[in-house]
Amino acid sequence: MDQAFALESEQQGDRLLLRIRIADGYYLYRHSIRVKGENLAFDEPVLPPGTEHEDDFFGKSQVYYQEVQIPVALTRVGDAASLTLSYQGCTEGLCYPPTDKRIAVEPLAAPARAEAPASLQGTDVPGSQQDRLAAALGSQGFWISVAAFFALGLGLAFTPCVFPMYPILTGIIAGAGHRLSTRRAFLLSFVYVQGMAVTYTLLGLVVASAGLQFQAALQHPYVLIGLSVMFVLLALSMFGLYTLQLPSSLQTRLSGFSNRQQGGSVAGVAIMGMISGLVCSPCTTAPLSGALIYVAQSGDLWLGGAALYALSLGMGLPLLLLGTSGGKLLPRAGAWMDVIKQLFGFALLAVPILLLSRLLSDLVATLLWLGWGLVLCGYLYHHNQHRAHSVGKSLGGFVLLLAMMGLVVVGKDLLLPPEGANAAAQTQAPRFIRIKTLDDLKVQLAAARGKPVLLDLYADWCVACKEFEHKTFSDPDVQARFSEMVLLQADVTANDDADVDLLNGLNVLGLPTLIFFDRDGNEVNGQRVTGFMGPVEFLGQLDKLR
């Protein structure tokens, strides 16, 4: 038995690593592994995913071949402390009885924990921001947690994920007409924010419970194209090509309830808020990940849902202020009102580009933005030409012409880049080894023994993933550090069975997610990165791993 399953242990401060070396032809059942302590306390170890196996003894189960490593984070060690590891293994046609192995554990040195680097700290004090937030949700009071996530939502209110909501809400306010009062503007804005918050919260709970594949399904090309068409139709209505309104019979029934004004029915605004919740759903941030991790691990939907709702309200507070003040800022009547509505129509046209950029190449998306900018400048120039002659008119026309010329030059450089530019870009881009399955990951980790490994989980619809690629991974200092590591990348855009198994096996709840592995192929606990990090912050994260 000991020759087939050789147990080794190595303790470094509050970290105990148990390693079982498995002889050829033998395998160890994942479900049989149990860890018990005597006169000590530890965090429940997270077992690595196994390989699917079926035999006559246990039917379908997960097993380990060759070797399995079990990291144990010690939180308290008394005198004469020990750890008992239970496991059971088999070979073809023969199954050994369950075995218990006792390992002596050394007491923790008092200063060792304080001086240990962040990458070696016990998992009872998680290192990454999302893990700290998940732990805080379970340890702090209900209202303290809710208030903290509301404040975090305020910090996210001006991130790229929330930007699409601003033109949507301003378009709604503009469409309400010149009779819009401050009270009415507040009501519409409040309903819009509530629709967004409720949808965002429900989606978060579903993702935490059902997995990332539900979130990925919302980013299917058909869904994004459908939303884009809807926003284009809304934008065209702002240009006066047609008027969007309910059938007259339904208008009569709802008039007493919603006091409907053009473009500003309560029911319609609530629906737009819900759709906006779908627009921002693919964006993963540390606060969102913290709430999702807490829900997934604890099953506490009430506190997790309250945290997500508070996070959404924090994100929506600037929207509420913008919408409420919009009634005062917009012109009350006259030709200017039509101009403002048309400008908001251009803002609504920007939303489909934001959505479709998740599906299109960077070049095509950039050209769409350039085309949008040229049309907008052309519209402003045309409107400027109809103003009375003045210095302001001449200056405005000159500035708009310069802007259009600049956009044309930028477009030319994109379509016809200088010689050698593509080669330089390829040289600068870090080279990732592509993997698809958990087995691929195991093979690459085994091949990379002796070097740290970074696994980047990526999808084309993930906006922050592309930010990492263009802003952080391209930074020279980051690339210098990458030269010391093995870089792996899993593209889960397809969301097929292999992608789902990989995400579930790694307990990934949102993208982007970066996972670090040490030189022995073990994940560095508490150091996952979820949500975008700039070069400086990411370099600080890499420093923790040294």
Protein backbone atom coordinates (compact mmCIF):
# COMPACT_ATOMS: atom_id res chain seq x y z
CA MET A 1 0.00 0.00 0.00
CA ASP A 2 2.75 2.47 0.94
CA GLN A 3 4.63 1.65 -2.23
CA ALA A 4 1.57 2.28 -4.39
CA PHE A 5 0.59 5.48 -2.56
CA ALA A 6 3.62 7.19 -1.00
CA LEU A 7 2.71 10.08 1.31
CA GLU A 8 5.08 13.02 1.79
CA SER A 9 4.54 16.18 3.83
CA GLU A 10 6.31 19.53 3.91
CA GLN A 11 5.56 22.34 6.36
CA GLN A 12 6.56 25.99 5.89
CA GLY A 13 5.19 28.10 8.71
CA ASP A 14 1.39 27.98 8.53
CA ARG A 15 1.39 26.13 5.19
CA LEU A 16 1.42 22.34 5.14
CA LEU A 17 1.71 20.60 1.79
CA LEU A 18 0.62 16.96 1.58
CA ARG A 19 1.82 15.09 -1.50
CA ILE A 20 0.74 11.57 -2.48
CA ARG A 21 2.87 9.94 -5.18
CA ILE A 22 0.84 7.31 -7.02
CA ALA A 23 2.54 4.37 -8.72
CA ASP A 24 1.90 3.57 -12.37
CA GLY A 25 -1.30 1.61 -12.89
CA TYR A 26 -2.86 2.87 -9.66
CA TYR A 27 -5.31 5.66 -8.99
CA LEU A 28 -6.66 7.49 -5.94
CA TYR A 29 -10.33 8.40 -5.42
CA ARG A 30 -10.89 12.12 -4.97
CA HIS A 31 -14.02 11.63 -2.85
CA SER A 32 -12.13 9.41 -0.38
CA ILE A 33 -9.71 12.13 0.74
CA ARG A 34 -10.46 13.44 4.23
CA VAL A 35 -8.34 15.60 6.51
CA LYS A 36 -8.81 15.69 10.30
CA GLY A 37 -6.79 17.55 12.91
CA GLU A 38 -5.89 16.91 16.53
CA ASN A 39 -5.10 19.92 18.72
CA LEU A 40 -5.01 22.23 15.72
CA ALA A 41 -7.29 24.22 13.43
CA PHE A 42 -7.06 24.63 9.67
CA ASP A 43 -9.03 25.87 6.69
CA GLU A 44 -10.76 23.16 4.71
CA PRO A 45 -8.34 22.31 1.87
CA VAL A 46 -9.47 22.75 -1.72
CA LEU A 47 -8.78 19.58 -3.68
CA PRO A 48 -7.62 19.91 -7.28
CA PRO A 49 -10.02 18.59 -9.94
CA GLY A 50 -9.55 14.94 -10.80
CA THR A 51 -9.93 12.84 -13.94
CA GLU A 52 -13.28 11.25 -14.78
CA HIS A 53 -13.19 7.48 -14.20
CA GLU A 54 -15.66 4.60 -14.03
CA ASP A 55 -15.10 1.21 -12.40
CA ASP A 56 -17.01 -1.61 -10.71
CA PHE A 57 -16.28 -0.35 -7.20
CA PHE A 58 -17.66 3.20 -7.16
CA GLY A 59 -19.11 3.69 -10.63
CA LYS A 60 -18.46 7.15 -12.06
CA SER A 61 -16.07 9.22 -9.95
CA GLN A 62 -13.03 11.47 -10.12
CA VAL A 63 -9.59 9.98 -9.52
CA TYR A 64 -5.96 11.07 -9.42
CA TYR A 65 -3.06 9.52 -11.31
CA GLN A 66 0.69 9.95 -10.78
CA GLU A 67 0.47 12.54 -8.00
CA VAL A 68 -1.91 14.73 -6.02
CA GLN A 69 -0.96 17.71 -3.86
CA ILE A 70 -3.16 18.90 -1.00
CA PRO A 71 -2.29 22.33 0.46
CA VAL A 72 -3.49 22.86 4.04
CA ALA A 73 -3.57 26.35 5.60
CA LEU A 74 -3.03 26.10 9.37
CA THR A 75 -4.71 28.71 11.56
CA ARG A 76 -3.85 27.36 15.04
CA VAL A 77 -1.42 24.68 16.20
CA GLY A 78 -1.18 23.49 19.79
CA ASP A 79 1.26 21.16 21.52
CA ALA A 80 1.66 17.64 20.11
CA ALA A 81 -0.59 18.53 17.20
CA SER A 82 -1.14 16.14 14.32
CA LEU A 83 -3.08 15.81 11.11
CA THR A 84 -4.74 12.62 9.88
CA LEU A 85 -5.16 12.08 6.15
CA SER A 86 -7.62 9.43 4.97
CA TYR A 87 -7.70 8.12 1.40
CA GLN A 88 -8.44 5.05 -0.70
CA GLY A 89 -6.92 3.85 -3.94
CA CYS A 90 -7.31 1.06 -6.44
CA THR A 91 -5.76 -0.61 -9.42
CA GLU A 92 -7.35 -2.64 -12.19
CA GLY A 93 -9.49 -5.31 -10.50
CA LEU A 94 -8.15 -4.64 -6.99
CA CYS A 95 -9.22 -2.01 -4.45
CA TYR A 96 -7.29 -1.28 -1.26
CA PRO A 97 -9.16 -0.60 2.01
CA PRO A 98 -9.36 3.01 3.25
CA THR A 99 -6.10 4.14 4.83
CA ASP A 100 -5.39 6.68 7.58
CA LYS A 101 -2.00 8.39 7.81
CA ARG A 102 -0.96 10.55 10.74
CA ILE A 103 1.40 13.52 10.21
CA ALA A 104 3.01 15.44 13.06
CA VAL A 105 2.60 19.21 12.79
CA GLU A 106 5.09 21.70 14.18
CA PRO A 107 3.85 24.67 16.26
CA LEU A 108 3.55 28.00 14.48
CA ALA A 109 6.27 30.52 15.16
CA ALA A 110 4.68 33.83 16.23
CA PRO A 111 6.65 36.19 13.94
CA ALA A 112 6.58 33.85 10.95
CA ARG A 113 3.01 34.70 10.01
CA ALA A 114 3.52 38.44 10.22
CA GLU A 115 6.69 38.36 8.12
CA ALA A 116 5.50 35.87 5.53
CA PRO A 117 5.06 37.25 2.03
CA ALA A 118 1.52 37.82 0.82
CA SER A 119 1.63 34.82 -1.51
CA LEU A 120 2.25 32.44 1.42
CA GLN A 121 -0.35 33.78 3.85
CA GLY A 122 -3.02 31.41 5.05
CA THR A 123 -6.33 31.41 3.28
CA ASP A 124 -8.10 32.64 6.41
CA VAL A 125 -6.96 36.15 5.37
CA PRO A 126 -7.49 36.09 1.59
CA GLY A 127 -4.97 37.99 -0.47
CA SER A 128 -7.04 39.14 -3.43
CA GLN A 129 -9.55 41.95 -3.16
CA GLN A 130 -12.51 39.82 -4.22
CA ASP A 131 -11.66 37.16 -1.61
CA ARG A 132 -11.35 39.79 1.12
CA LEU A 133 -14.74 41.19 0.12
CA ALA A 134 -16.30 37.72 0.13
CA ALA A 135 -14.87 37.08 3.60
CA ALA A 136 -16.06 40.48 4.81
CA LEU A 137 -19.62 39.72 3.67
CA GLY A 138 -19.70 36.74 5.97
CA SER A 139 -18.03 38.41 8.96
CA GLN A 140 -19.47 41.94 9.01
CA GLY A 141 -22.98 42.95 9.95
CA PHE A 142 -25.73 43.06 7.34
CA TRP A 143 -26.03 46.84 7.12
CA ILE A 144 -22.27 47.42 7.23
CA SER A 145 -21.85 45.05 4.28
CA VAL A 146 -24.67 46.71 2.33
CA ALA A 147 -23.27 50.20 2.98
CA ALA A 148 -19.77 49.09 1.94
CA PHE A 149 -21.00 47.66 -1.36
CA PHE A 150 -23.03 50.80 -2.04
CA ALA A 151 -19.82 52.82 -1.66
CA LEU A 152 -17.99 50.41 -3.96
CA GLY A 153 -20.76 50.86 -6.52
CA LEU A 154 -20.18 54.61 -6.47
CA GLY A 155 -16.56 53.93 -7.36
CA LEU A 156 -17.67 51.85 -10.35
CA ALA A 157 -20.17 54.42 -11.61
CA PHE A 158 -17.71 55.99 -14.06
CA THR A 159 -16.13 52.81 -15.43
CA PRO A 160 -16.54 51.71 -19.07
CA CYS A 161 -19.16 49.14 -18.04
CA VAL A 162 -21.58 51.86 -16.90
CA PHE A 163 -20.87 54.36 -19.70
CA PRO A 164 -23.50 52.92 -22.09
CA MET A 165 -26.22 53.77 -19.57
CA TYR A 166 -25.60 57.51 -19.70
CA PRO A 167 -26.68 58.03 -23.33
CA ILE A 168 -29.61 55.66 -22.82
CA LEU A 169 -30.95 57.61 -19.84
CA THR A 170 -30.29 61.02 -21.37
CA GLY A 171 -32.08 59.86 -24.51
CA ILE A 172 -35.08 58.90 -22.39
CA ILE A 173 -35.10 62.30 -20.67
CA ALA A 174 -34.75 64.11 -23.99
CA GLY A 175 -37.56 62.05 -25.45
CA ALA A 176 -39.89 63.11 -22.64
CA GLY A 177 -40.35 66.51 -24.26
CA HIS A 178 -40.27 70.08 -23.03
CA ARG A 179 -43.02 69.49 -20.46
CA LEU A 180 -40.71 67.41 -18.29
CA SER A 181 -40.72 68.65 -14.67
CA THR A 182 -38.04 67.96 -12.09
CA ARG A 183 -40.37 65.59 -10.27
CA ARG A 184 -41.12 63.69 -13.47
CA ALA A 185 -37.43 63.57 -14.38
CA PHE A 186 -36.64 62.12 -10.94
CA LEU A 187 -39.39 59.52 -11.28
CA LEU A 188 -38.19 58.36 -14.71
CA SER A 189 -34.56 58.27 -13.56
CA PHE A 190 -35.49 56.40 -10.37
CA VAL A 191 -37.50 53.80 -12.30
CA TYR A 192 -34.66 53.39 -14.80
CA VAL A 193 -32.07 52.83 -12.04
CA GLN A 194 -34.36 50.37 -10.24
CA GLY A 195 -34.88 48.37 -13.42
CA MET A 196 -31.13 48.22 -13.94
CA ALA A 197 -30.42 47.33 -10.30
CA VAL A 198 -33.00 44.55 -10.07
CA THR A 199 -31.85 42.95 -13.33
CA TYR A 200 -28.17 43.24 -12.39
CA THR A 201 -28.87 41.66 -8.99
CA LEU A 202 -30.93 38.78 -10.38
CA LEU A 203 -28.35 38.06 -13.08
CA GLY A 204 -25.61 38.03 -10.46
CA LEU A 205 -27.48 35.54 -8.29
CA VAL A 206 -28.18 33.31 -11.30
CA VAL A 207 -24.52 33.41 -12.36
CA ALA A 208 -23.39 32.55 -8.82
CA SER A 209 -25.85 29.65 -8.66
CA ALA A 210 -25.86 28.35 -12.24
CA GLY A 211 -22.36 29.21 -13.40
CA LEU A 212 -20.68 31.49 -15.90
CA GLN A 213 -22.31 29.79 -18.89
CA PHE A 214 -25.52 31.74 -18.22
CA GLN A 215 -23.63 35.02 -18.37
CA ALA A 216 -21.89 33.90 -21.54
CA ALA A 217 -25.25 33.01 -23.11
CA LEU A 218 -26.34 36.63 -22.70
CA GLN A 219 -23.35 37.62 -24.84
CA HIS A 220 -24.37 35.37 -27.73
CA PRO A 221 -24.12 37.21 -31.06
CA TYR A 222 -27.88 36.92 -31.60
CA VAL A 223 -28.56 38.66 -28.26
CA LEU A 224 -26.03 41.44 -28.88
CA ILE A 225 -27.23 42.00 -32.44
CA GLY A 226 -30.85 42.11 -31.27
CA LEU A 227 -30.04 44.71 -28.60
CA SER A 228 -28.03 46.72 -31.14
CA VAL A 229 -30.92 46.79 -33.61
CA MET A 230 -33.23 47.97 -30.84
CA PHE A 231 -30.94 50.87 -29.92
CA VAL A 232 -30.55 51.83 -33.59
CA LEU A 233 -34.34 51.99 -33.90
CA LEU A 234 -34.54 54.12 -30.76
CA ALA A 235 -31.84 56.43 -32.12
CA LEU A 236 -33.62 56.84 -35.45
CA SER A 237 -36.77 57.84 -33.61
CA MET A 238 -34.74 60.61 -31.93
CA PHE A 239 -33.95 61.93 -35.42
CA GLY A 240 -37.67 62.22 -36.11
CA LEU A 241 -37.85 59.47 -38.74
CA TYR A 242 -40.83 57.99 -36.91
CA THR A 243 -42.50 58.07 -33.50
CA LEU A 244 -42.40 55.08 -31.19
CA GLN A 245 -45.64 54.79 -29.26
CA LEU A 246 -48.03 52.20 -27.92
CA PRO A 247 -51.27 51.29 -29.71
CA SER A 248 -54.01 53.81 -28.98
CA SER A 249 -56.16 51.32 -27.08
CA LEU A 250 -53.29 50.40 -24.76
CA GLN A 251 -52.31 54.06 -24.38
CA THR A 252 -55.79 54.85 -23.08
CA ARG A 253 -55.61 52.08 -20.48
CA LEU A 254 -52.17 53.12 -19.23
CA SER A 255 -52.61 56.88 -19.36
CA GLY A 256 -54.11 57.13 -15.88
CA PHE A 257 -51.35 54.98 -14.39
CA SER A 258 -48.25 56.41 -16.00
CA ASN A 259 -49.31 59.89 -17.11
CA ARG A 260 -47.56 59.03 -20.36
CA GLN A 261 -45.49 61.64 -22.11
CA GLN A 262 -43.66 61.21 -25.40
CA GLY A 263 -40.72 58.85 -24.85
CA GLY A 264 -41.22 58.81 -21.10
CA SER A 265 -43.70 56.13 -19.95
CA VAL A 266 -42.88 54.56 -16.61
CA ALA A 267 -43.28 51.03 -17.98
CA GLY A 268 -41.06 51.79 -20.97
CA VAL A 269 -38.37 53.35 -18.79
CA ALA A 270 -38.42 50.33 -16.46
CA ILE A 271 -37.92 48.03 -19.45
CA MET A 272 -35.03 50.18 -20.68
CA GLY A 273 -33.47 49.95 -17.22
CA MET A 274 -33.72 46.18 -17.31
CA ILE A 275 -32.12 46.09 -20.75
CA SER A 276 -29.34 48.32 -19.43
CA GLY A 277 -28.73 45.72 -16.73
CA LEU A 278 -28.09 43.24 -19.53
CA VAL A 279 -25.73 45.69 -21.22
CA CYS A 280 -23.48 45.96 -18.17
CA SER A 281 -23.79 42.30 -17.10
CA PRO A 282 -20.56 41.01 -18.74
CA CYS A 283 -18.37 43.37 -16.72
CA THR A 284 -16.69 41.62 -13.82
CA THR A 285 -15.17 43.70 -11.04
CA ALA A 286 -13.66 42.79 -7.68
CA PRO A 287 -16.79 43.86 -5.72
CA LEU A 288 -19.04 41.87 -8.06
CA SER A 289 -16.74 38.84 -7.84
CA GLY A 290 -16.66 39.12 -4.04
CA ALA A 291 -20.45 38.98 -3.83
CA LEU A 292 -20.63 36.11 -6.34
CA ILE A 293 -17.98 34.11 -4.46
CA TYR A 294 -19.85 34.61 -1.20
CA VAL A 295 -23.16 33.46 -2.71
CA ALA A 296 -21.57 30.46 -4.43
CA GLN A 297 -19.74 29.32 -1.29
CA SER A 298 -22.35 30.07 1.39
CA GLY A 299 -25.63 29.84 -0.50
CA ASP A 300 -26.80 32.96 1.35
CA LEU A 301 -28.91 34.54 -1.39
CA TRP A 302 -30.33 37.22 0.91
CA LEU A 303 -27.07 38.85 1.95
CA GLY A 304 -25.44 38.24 -1.43
CA GLY A 305 -28.45 39.67 -3.23
CA ALA A 306 -28.58 42.69 -0.92
CA ALA A 307 -24.89 43.35 -1.58
CA LEU A 308 -25.40 43.13 -5.34
CA TYR A 309 -28.45 45.40 -5.13
CA ALA A 310 -26.53 47.97 -3.06
CA LEU A 311 -23.65 47.77 -5.55
CA SER A 312 -26.11 48.45 -8.39
CA LEU A 313 -27.68 51.40 -6.58
CA GLY A 314 -24.23 52.89 -6.01
CA MET A 315 -23.51 52.55 -9.72
CA GLY A 316 -26.88 54.15 -10.49
CA LEU A 317 -26.70 57.15 -8.15
CA PRO A 318 -24.87 59.41 -10.68
CA LEU A 319 -27.41 58.29 -13.28
CA LEU A 320 -30.21 59.37 -10.94
CA LEU A 321 -28.61 62.78 -10.41
CA LEU A 322 -27.97 63.21 -14.14
CA GLY A 323 -31.50 62.27 -15.08
CA THR A 324 -33.10 64.46 -12.42
CA SER A 325 -31.08 67.50 -13.45
CA GLY A 326 -31.68 66.73 -17.12
CA GLY A 327 -35.11 68.26 -16.94
CA LYS A 328 -33.55 71.59 -15.96
CA LEU A 329 -30.55 71.42 -18.25
CA LEU A 330 -32.45 70.69 -21.46
CA PRO A 331 -33.92 73.60 -23.46
CA ARG A 332 -37.64 74.07 -22.82
CA ALA A 333 -38.85 74.72 -26.33
CA GLY A 334 -37.81 75.80 -29.79
CA ALA A 335 -35.46 74.49 -32.44
CA TRP A 336 -32.73 73.80 -29.88
CA MET A 337 -34.87 71.03 -28.44
CA ASP A 338 -34.75 69.17 -31.75
CA VAL A 339 -30.98 69.61 -31.93
CA ILE A 340 -30.51 68.24 -28.41
CA LYS A 341 -32.73 65.24 -29.17
CA GLN A 342 -30.72 64.49 -32.30
CA LEU A 343 -27.46 64.72 -30.36
CA PHE A 344 -28.86 62.19 -27.91
CA GLY A 345 -29.75 60.11 -30.95
CA PHE A 346 -26.05 60.03 -31.82
CA ALA A 347 -25.33 59.03 -28.22
CA LEU A 348 -27.78 56.13 -28.56
CA LEU A 349 -26.06 55.10 -31.82
CA ALA A 350 -22.84 54.72 -29.82
CA VAL A 351 -24.40 51.96 -27.68
CA PRO A 352 -24.63 49.40 -30.56
CA ILE A 353 -20.96 50.03 -31.34
CA LEU A 354 -20.11 49.33 -27.70
CA LEU A 355 -22.11 46.10 -27.84
CA LEU A 356 -20.88 44.88 -31.22
CA SER A 357 -17.24 45.64 -30.39
CA ARG A 358 -17.40 42.45 -28.27
CA LEU A 359 -17.94 40.50 -31.50
CA LEU A 360 -15.90 42.47 -34.02
CA SER A 361 -12.17 42.78 -34.50
CA ASP A 362 -10.42 45.78 -33.00
CA LEU A 363 -9.87 47.23 -36.48
CA VAL A 364 -13.54 47.01 -37.48
CA ALA A 365 -14.70 48.40 -34.13
CA THR A 366 -12.29 51.32 -34.40
CA LEU A 367 -13.46 52.08 -37.93
CA LEU A 368 -17.06 52.08 -36.72
CA TRP A 369 -16.11 54.63 -34.06
CA LEU A 370 -14.34 56.73 -36.69
CA GLY A 371 -17.39 56.60 -38.95
CA TRP A 372 -19.63 57.58 -36.04
CA GLY A 373 -17.32 60.49 -35.23
CA LEU A 374 -17.25 61.68 -38.85
CA VAL A 375 -21.04 61.62 -39.15
CA LEU A 376 -21.39 63.45 -35.83
CA CYS A 377 -18.87 66.11 -36.90
CA GLY A 378 -20.65 66.43 -40.25
CA TYR A 379 -23.98 66.92 -38.51
CA LEU A 380 -22.55 69.55 -36.18
CA TYR A 381 -20.88 71.32 -39.12
CA HIS A 382 -24.16 71.34 -41.06
CA HIS A 383 -26.00 72.76 -38.06
CA ASN A 384 -23.25 75.35 -37.53
CA GLN A 385 -23.61 76.59 -41.12
CA HIS A 386 -27.22 77.58 -40.46
CA ARG A 387 -26.31 79.86 -37.58
CA ALA A 388 -26.12 83.62 -37.96
CA HIS A 389 -22.71 84.90 -39.08
CA SER A 390 -20.41 85.46 -36.10
CA VAL A 391 -16.91 84.78 -34.84
CA GLY A 392 -18.25 81.78 -32.93
CA LYS A 393 -19.72 80.32 -36.09
CA SER A 394 -16.45 80.66 -38.01
CA LEU A 395 -14.39 79.26 -35.14
CA GLY A 396 -16.79 76.36 -34.64
CA GLY A 397 -16.74 75.47 -38.32
CA PHE A 398 -12.93 75.57 -38.38
CA VAL A 399 -12.66 73.29 -35.33
CA LEU A 400 -15.13 70.80 -36.80
CA LEU A 401 -13.26 70.69 -40.12
CA LEU A 402 -10.01 70.02 -38.25
CA ALA A 403 -11.72 67.24 -36.29
CA MET A 404 -13.00 65.60 -39.47
CA MET A 405 -9.57 65.83 -41.10
CA GLY A 406 -8.00 64.29 -38.00
CA LEU A 407 -10.45 61.39 -38.09
CA VAL A 408 -9.67 60.79 -41.77
CA VAL A 409 -5.92 60.73 -41.04
CA VAL A 410 -6.40 58.28 -38.16
CA GLY A 411 -8.56 56.07 -40.36
CA LYS A 412 -5.91 56.09 -43.10
CA ASP A 413 -3.23 55.01 -40.61
CA LEU A 414 -5.44 52.16 -39.43
CA LEU A 415 -6.18 50.89 -42.93
CA LEU A 416 -2.63 51.46 -44.23
CA PRO A 417 -0.29 51.11 -41.23
CA PRO A 418 3.39 52.01 -41.65
CA GLU A 419 5.72 49.25 -42.84
CA GLY A 420 6.92 47.10 -39.99
CA ALA A 421 4.14 48.21 -37.64
CA ASN A 422 2.44 44.82 -37.67
CA ALA A 423 5.72 43.02 -37.06
CA ALA A 424 6.51 45.32 -34.16
CA ALA A 425 3.06 44.76 -32.66
CA GLN A 426 3.50 41.00 -32.89
CA THR A 427 6.91 41.27 -31.26
CA GLN A 428 5.52 43.31 -28.39
CA ALA A 429 2.49 41.09 -27.73
CA PRO A 430 3.12 38.45 -25.06
CA ARG A 431 2.93 34.90 -26.33
CA PHE A 432 0.33 32.77 -24.58
CA ILE A 433 0.05 29.02 -24.88
CA ARG A 434 -3.57 28.18 -25.67
CA ILE A 435 -5.33 25.50 -23.62
CA LYS A 436 -8.88 24.18 -23.86
CA THR A 437 -9.48 21.59 -21.14
CA LEU A 438 -8.44 20.75 -17.59
CA ASP A 439 -6.25 17.99 -19.00
CA ASP A 440 -4.47 20.56 -21.19
CA LEU A 441 -3.88 22.66 -18.08
CA LYS A 442 -2.41 19.72 -16.18
CA VAL A 443 -0.07 18.91 -19.06
CA GLN A 444 1.17 22.49 -19.30
CA LEU A 445 1.61 22.81 -15.53
CA ALA A 446 3.67 19.62 -15.52
CA ALA A 447 5.79 20.90 -18.42
CA ALA A 448 6.33 24.23 -16.64
CA ARG A 449 7.67 22.73 -13.40
CA GLY A 450 10.24 25.10 -11.93
CA LYS A 451 8.63 28.26 -13.35
CA PRO A 452 5.59 30.23 -12.17
CA VAL A 453 2.54 30.06 -14.43
CA LEU A 454 -0.17 32.60 -15.29
CA LEU A 455 -3.50 31.37 -16.68
CA ASP A 456 -5.60 34.02 -18.43
CA LEU A 457 -9.29 33.12 -18.86
CA TYR A 458 -10.53 35.17 -21.80
CA ALA A 459 -13.62 35.67 -23.99
CA ASP A 460 -14.22 37.92 -26.97
CA TRP A 461 -17.31 39.44 -25.33
CA CYS A 462 -15.35 40.39 -22.19
CA VAL A 463 -14.52 44.11 -22.44
CA ALA A 464 -12.10 44.07 -19.50
CA CYS A 465 -10.26 41.09 -21.06
CA LYS A 466 -9.45 43.26 -24.07
CA GLU A 467 -8.41 46.10 -21.76
CA PHE A 468 -5.92 43.73 -20.14
CA GLU A 469 -4.60 42.78 -23.57
CA HIS A 470 -4.17 46.30 -24.91
CA LYS A 471 -3.30 48.33 -21.81
CA THR A 472 -1.67 46.01 -19.29
CA PHE A 473 -0.11 43.05 -21.11
CA SER A 474 1.46 45.40 -23.68
CA ASP A 475 3.27 47.43 -21.01
CA PRO A 476 7.09 46.95 -21.28
CA ASP A 477 7.54 46.47 -17.52
CA VAL A 478 4.78 43.86 -17.43
CA GLN A 479 6.29 42.06 -20.43
CA ALA A 480 9.67 42.01 -18.71
CA ARG A 481 8.07 40.20 -15.78
CA PHE A 482 6.22 37.87 -18.16
CA SER A 483 9.59 36.68 -19.46
CA GLU A 484 10.06 34.95 -16.10
CA MET A 485 6.74 33.10 -16.35
CA VAL A 486 4.91 30.57 -18.48
CA LEU A 487 1.78 32.21 -19.94
CA LEU A 488 -1.35 30.14 -20.60
CA GLN A 489 -4.65 31.37 -22.02
CA ALA A 490 -8.05 29.71 -22.28
CA ASP A 491 -10.48 31.30 -24.74
CA VAL A 492 -13.98 30.41 -23.49
CA THR A 493 -15.87 32.49 -26.05
CA ALA A 494 -17.51 29.39 -27.57
CA ASN A 495 -19.00 28.43 -24.17
CA ASP A 496 -19.04 24.75 -25.21
CA ASP A 497 -18.90 21.73 -22.90
CA ALA A 498 -15.12 21.88 -22.61
CA ASP A 499 -15.26 25.56 -21.65
CA VAL A 500 -17.98 24.93 -19.06
CA ASP A 501 -16.02 22.03 -17.54
CA LEU A 502 -12.88 24.17 -17.36
CA LEU A 503 -14.67 27.10 -15.70
CA ASN A 504 -16.48 24.85 -13.23
CA GLY A 505 -13.33 22.90 -12.45
CA LEU A 506 -11.48 26.11 -11.63
CA ASN A 507 -14.47 27.66 -9.80
CA VAL A 508 -14.49 30.71 -12.08
CA LEU A 509 -17.54 32.95 -11.65
CA GLY A 510 -16.72 35.83 -13.98
CA LEU A 511 -14.32 37.17 -16.57
CA PRO A 512 -11.63 38.32 -16.74
CA THR A 513 -9.98 35.95 -14.26
CA LEU A 514 -6.22 35.50 -13.94
CA ILE A 515 -4.97 32.51 -11.93
CA PHE A 516 -1.38 32.17 -10.72
CA PHE A 517 0.39 28.85 -10.12
CA ASP A 518 3.65 28.38 -8.23
CA ARG A 519 6.74 26.55 -9.46
CA ASP A 520 5.26 23.21 -8.33
CA GLY A 521 2.08 23.69 -10.32
CA ASN A 522 -0.15 24.57 -7.36
CA GLU A 523 -2.50 27.55 -7.47
CA VAL A 524 -1.33 30.41 -5.27
CA ASN A 525 -4.24 30.78 -2.86
CA GLY A 526 -5.95 34.14 -2.47
CA GLN A 527 -4.17 35.79 -5.42
CA ARG A 528 -6.68 35.48 -8.25
CA VAL A 529 -7.30 38.64 -10.25
CA THR A 530 -10.86 39.41 -11.37
CA GLY A 531 -11.68 42.67 -13.10
CA PHE A 532 -9.33 44.99 -14.93
CA MET A 533 -6.01 46.13 -13.45
CA GLY A 534 -3.78 48.79 -14.96
CA PRO A 535 -0.05 48.14 -15.46
CA VAL A 536 1.05 49.68 -12.14
CA GLU A 537 -1.53 47.81 -10.07
CA PHE A 538 -0.85 44.56 -11.93
CA LEU A 539 2.89 44.87 -11.32
CA GLY A 540 2.10 45.25 -7.63
CA GLN A 541 0.09 42.04 -7.84
CA LEU A 542 3.05 40.26 -9.45
CA ASP A 543 5.33 41.56 -6.68
CA LYS A 544 3.17 39.75 -4.11
CA LEU A 545 3.98 36.46 -5.82
CA ARG A 546 7.73 36.76 -5.48
